[in-house]
Amino acid sequence: MSRRVTLGLGALRAAGIAALLVLLWDPPWLPGRTAQAPPLVLLDASLSFGGTGGRWPEALDSARRLAGASGVVWRFGAGVTAFDTMPPADGASRLAPALTAAAARSGPVTVVTDGEIDDLAALPPDLRARPRVVTLPRPGFVDGYVAAVTGQRRLAATDTLRLRVTVGVAGGRGQMAVSRVLAVRIGDRRLASRAVALPDSGTIVIELEVPAARLPAGPAALTVALEGAADAEPRDDARILVVETAARPAVVVLADPPDWEARFLARTLADVVRAPVRTYVRLRSDGGWRDGATLGPVGEGDVARALAGARLVVHRAGSPLARTARGATRLVLAPAAGEGDWYVTTPPASPVAGALAGIARDSLPPLSGVAPEPGDSGVVVALTAALARRGRPAPFVTLREVGGARVATLAASGFWRWGFRGGTSEVAYRTLVAALADWLLGEQGAERREQFGPEATESPRGVPLTWRWRAAEPARDVVLRLTGPDGERRDTLRFDVAGRAELSLPPGIYRYAAVDGAERGVVAVEAYSDEWRPAAARLAPQAGTSGGGRERRGPRDTWWLYAFAMAVFAAEWYWRRREGLP
């Protein structure tokens, strides 16, 4: 039987190779076709579009009409999501992520918005100029609102909660009531109130005081609201502050004298220890004690009673009043006279070494003086420092037990510089204070040894609650049981590699508890949002620069060329088998 390559086989092979070369090269000079690229519509889904005067139904109709039958609609606000007809729910109006994602498309881009864009100034000029913009602005209206509430988060029953409330008016006063009542409530029970005169525009700060004895023990959510004649937008008339009340102060700081070391230490302890912190200051002018928050005079007997009930006392070395704190753990400040620059060295093995291992030592400001602790078999060294980075390291943070109570000593000057500089230095300062408080207080220490917790206990509407993994072991998924206005529900916190998790909830006050852990507390999602307030339209209508939105489709975009190449190679293979060729 004849076995030879015929002219037909060669033609099939040549045709197949030619088709493959055309597909690989896709030469622009070969005939193709130009098609209309599908349009993309970016629809503003922030809460302002559904607030007072919002034109959400018109925006939906406009988006559908502009997209047509072949177009795509994306919603944007706090992020970018697929299109649906649900009411706006995002607590921010950020356009940059949506335009960045749309930049990869060749078709026309249209933005449908009310013009109240948060990140307009951050948009690159090319992204800002490309889309066509259709604005449906809200009509103007007058709105009184509560912008912010600040105050102590953790209190003892004998404390007084001092609130600083920022209230304001947007859109001009107009026919709105000039005088309103600012009230603090827990549920339906009013704790304090004050008549306020609202400004013509802008904000003012109002101070309110609430005795902590009127608050329930444990965590509670306070609502601070403008009451009286309602304005056009009542949903931004109230804010929530979650506080926690204990029977007695867990930490007492004796600032004698009230220098920078004691000031920064007291402030940081109040942040990292989930318990009330009370600071007493002794002034040199009269030699008496004063409350660290109000500078009001305090009797020495009151200070002694607070010390007797405290679990942790912070004081200067040799303080005679600190002796009344029998059985309490102590953090002793033993500053040293200035003598060169002392730099922190590698932390030795200690009960707090794990927490201190991540400190960026090279970024820490030098200490101004170190007074090395005398050697003792019962003393554990936690941190050491070397003078001018040379010589033998001297211990300046030590741990020991005296009479069954734990004692930590800071025998150096200049710690406050760590917290003052900010950045990694401030993180190192907070880490050191939290580690020492955790060791001193044991199971009731900093953050109560919780594996996770909320970064902030309150969140505006449309902004998810953010949770942070705090334990040393790797983060894992956590199931939460939440009891809120609609009863009990369960949600799962899924932490990312950075130890963060987000949870979106409807407005309300929620008590949470981990299903398989001891973590529990109170979080709140407010009805308030910055989006409710009237604002000027920052993004103006424009025609855009995306052109006709037509795109060229060359040979590589045609299906039949792929089919032709496969058919030719299949025919060649069949012919070769018939001819007995390999």
Foldseek 3Di string as FASTA:
>chain_A
DDFDDDPVLVVLVVLLVVLVVCLVVLDPPDDFDWFFFQEEEEEEQACLLVFQQHDLVVSVVVRDVVRDPPGAYWYDFPHIHGDDSDHRFAQGAACQRVLVVCVVAQFAYEYEEQQPHDCPVVHDPQSQFFHFYDHDHGDAFKAKFWDDKDWQAAEEQQDKIKIKIKIWMPRFCPPPDQKWKKFKDFVPRTQDIDIDGHDRGDIDIDMDIGRSNVPDAAKGKIKIFTDDDHTSGRQRGIDIHIHHYHNAFQEEEECVAVDLVSVLLQVLCSVFANHHYWYWHQDPVVRFIATPPPRHTDHLVVVLVNLCPYQEYEEEPPDPSNVSNPPHEYEYEAADPFDAFKFKDQFDDDQLNVLLNPQPRVPAGTFRFFDADDDDPFKDAGIWIDHVNDDDTGGQWIWGDDPNAIYIYGGYHDLSVLCVVDDSSVVSSSSVSQSVQCVRNPCSGGVSQDQKDWPHQEAETNFWTKMFGDDPDFDDKWKKWKQWPVGIDIDIFGADRRRMGTDHDGFTKIWIQTPPDGDIGIGGYGSHHPSNGDDDSNRDGDRRDSPSNMDIDTPNNDPVSVVSSVVSVVVSVVVSVVSVHD
